[in-house]
Amino acid sequence: MATACLVFAPKSFAIFGVGDITFDPSNYAILIETKLETAARWSEEVLKYEKMIQQQIEQIEKAKSCSTARTHCEPR
């Protein structure tokens, strides 16, 4: 919704062309959208690695319990 507001904002134009700063709301909206997509992908990656680490912890705990009980533990 904020992106839509930026798209319809008027553009600023440079007058003399040297050192002038312009603001293009449509370009800014695209940048924000790209950043949000990147953050979403990073979030997915973090969840993926969190799951991998949790599985490794479970494997280590199972290995510890097998070595403590001195019994043969069957693989899953």
C-alpha atoms as a PDB file:
ATOM      1  CA  MET A   1       0.000   0.000   0.000  1.00  0.00           C
ATOM      2  CA  ALA A   2       2.859   2.377   0.783  1.00  0.00           C
ATOM      3  CA  THR A   3       4.374   1.399  -2.552  1.00  0.00           C
ATOM      4  CA  ALA A   4       1.259   2.580  -4.370  1.00  0.00           C
ATOM      5  CA  CYS A   5       1.510   5.988  -2.682  1.00  0.00           C
ATOM      6  CA  LEU A   6       5.080   6.367  -3.873  1.00  0.00           C
ATOM      7  CA  VAL A   7       4.238   5.403  -7.446  1.00  0.00           C
ATOM      8  CA  PHE A   8       1.682   8.193  -7.776  1.00  0.00           C
ATOM      9  CA  ALA A   9       3.861  10.883  -6.191  1.00  0.00           C
ATOM     10  CA  PRO A  10       5.180  13.504  -8.618  1.00  0.00           C
ATOM     11  CA  LYS A  11       8.714  13.137  -9.916  1.00  0.00           C
ATOM     12  CA  SER A  12      11.382  15.740  -9.189  1.00  0.00           C
ATOM     13  CA  PHE A  13      13.544  16.968 -12.024  1.00  0.00           C
ATOM     14  CA  ALA A  14      17.057  18.397 -12.003  1.00  0.00           C
ATOM     15  CA  ILE A  15      17.253  21.958 -13.260  1.00  0.00           C
ATOM     16  CA  PHE A  16      20.919  22.591 -14.005  1.00  0.00           C
ATOM     17  CA  GLY A  17      22.161  19.007 -14.243  1.00  0.00           C
ATOM     18  CA  VAL A  18      25.230  19.305 -12.002  1.00  0.00           C
ATOM     19  CA  GLY A  19      24.944  17.928  -8.501  1.00  0.00           C
ATOM     20  CA  ASP A  20      21.169  18.056  -8.548  1.00  0.00           C
ATOM     21  CA  ILE A  21      19.314  15.437  -6.559  1.00  0.00           C
ATOM     22  CA  THR A  22      16.165  13.962  -8.013  1.00  0.00           C
ATOM     23  CA  PHE A  23      13.611  11.624  -6.517  1.00  0.00           C
ATOM     24  CA  ASP A  24      11.833   9.089  -8.693  1.00  0.00           C
ATOM     25  CA  PRO A  25       9.050   7.523  -6.634  1.00  0.00           C
ATOM     26  CA  SER A  26       8.463   4.644  -9.062  1.00  0.00           C
ATOM     27  CA  ASN A  27      12.151   3.694  -8.919  1.00  0.00           C
ATOM     28  CA  TYR A  28      12.077   3.989  -5.133  1.00  0.00           C
ATOM     29  CA  ALA A  29       8.998   1.737  -4.973  1.00  0.00           C
ATOM     30  CA  ILE A  30      10.779  -0.885  -7.079  1.00  0.00           C
ATOM     31  CA  LEU A  31      13.790  -0.678  -4.752  1.00  0.00           C
ATOM     32  CA  ILE A  32      11.606  -1.157  -1.670  1.00  0.00           C
ATOM     33  CA  GLU A  33       9.807  -4.093  -3.302  1.00  0.00           C
ATOM     34  CA  THR A  34      13.150  -5.706  -4.164  1.00  0.00           C
ATOM     35  CA  LYS A  35      14.424  -5.240  -0.609  1.00  0.00           C
ATOM     36  CA  LEU A  36      11.246  -6.816   0.815  1.00  0.00           C
ATOM     37  CA  GLU A  37      11.598  -9.810  -1.519  1.00  0.00           C
ATOM     38  CA  THR A  38      15.229 -10.215  -0.478  1.00  0.00           C
ATOM     39  CA  ALA A  39      14.293 -10.065   3.212  1.00  0.00           C
ATOM     40  CA  ALA A  40      11.621 -12.731   2.629  1.00  0.00           C
ATOM     41  CA  ARG A  41      14.163 -15.018   0.926  1.00  0.00           C
ATOM     42  CA  TRP A  42      16.628 -14.519   3.797  1.00  0.00           C
ATOM     43  CA  SER A  43      13.884 -15.353   6.262  1.00  0.00           C
ATOM     44  CA  GLU A  44      13.168 -18.599   4.396  1.00  0.00           C
ATOM     45  CA  GLU A  45      16.876 -19.447   4.426  1.00  0.00           C
ATOM     46  CA  VAL A  46      17.109 -18.819   8.167  1.00  0.00           C
ATOM     47  CA  LEU A  47      14.151 -21.142   8.780  1.00  0.00           C
ATOM     48  CA  LYS A  48      15.746 -23.795   6.563  1.00  0.00           C
ATOM     49  CA  TYR A  49      19.041 -23.660   8.451  1.00  0.00           C
ATOM     50  CA  GLU A  50      17.229 -23.591  11.791  1.00  0.00           C
ATOM     51  CA  LYS A  51      15.485 -26.837  10.828  1.00  0.00           C
ATOM     52  CA  MET A  52      18.786 -28.394   9.720  1.00  0.00           C
ATOM     53  CA  ILE A  53      20.459 -27.476  13.007  1.00  0.00           C
ATOM     54  CA  GLN A  54      17.524 -28.840  15.013  1.00  0.00           C
ATOM     55  CA  GLN A  55      17.799 -32.147  13.129  1.00  0.00           C
ATOM     56  CA  GLN A  56      21.534 -32.280  13.856  1.00  0.00           C
ATOM     57  CA  ILE A  57      20.883 -31.646  17.558  1.00  0.00           C
ATOM     58  CA  GLU A  58      18.375 -34.500  17.583  1.00  0.00           C
ATOM     59  CA  GLN A  59      20.932 -36.807  15.924  1.00  0.00           C
ATOM     60  CA  ILE A  60      23.602 -35.858  18.475  1.00  0.00           C
ATOM     61  CA  GLU A  61      21.211 -36.436  21.378  1.00  0.00           C
ATOM     62  CA  LYS A  62      20.229 -39.819  19.949  1.00  0.00           C
ATOM     63  CA  ALA A  63      23.892 -40.768  19.514  1.00  0.00           C
ATOM     64  CA  LYS A  64      24.595 -39.735  23.124  1.00  0.00           C
ATOM     65  CA  SER A  65      21.709 -41.815  24.432  1.00  0.00           C
ATOM     66  CA  CYS A  66      22.876 -44.818  22.397  1.00  0.00           C
ATOM     67  CA  SER A  67      26.431 -44.549  23.681  1.00  0.00           C
ATOM     68  CA  THR A  68      25.231 -44.052  27.264  1.00  0.00           C
ATOM     69  CA  ALA A  69      22.904 -47.050  27.172  1.00  0.00           C
ATOM     70  CA  ARG A  70      25.595 -49.132  25.459  1.00  0.00           C
ATOM     71  CA  THR A  71      23.010 -50.684  23.246  1.00  0.00           C
ATOM     72  CA  HIS A  72      22.727 -50.950  19.530  1.00  0.00           C
ATOM     73  CA  CYS A  73      20.519 -48.162  18.216  1.00  0.00           C
ATOM     74  CA  GLU A  74      18.759 -48.716  14.970  1.00  0.00           C
ATOM     75  CA  PRO A  75      18.842 -46.028  12.311  1.00  0.00           C
ATOM     76  CA  ARG A  76      15.524 -44.454  11.395  1.00  0.00           C
END
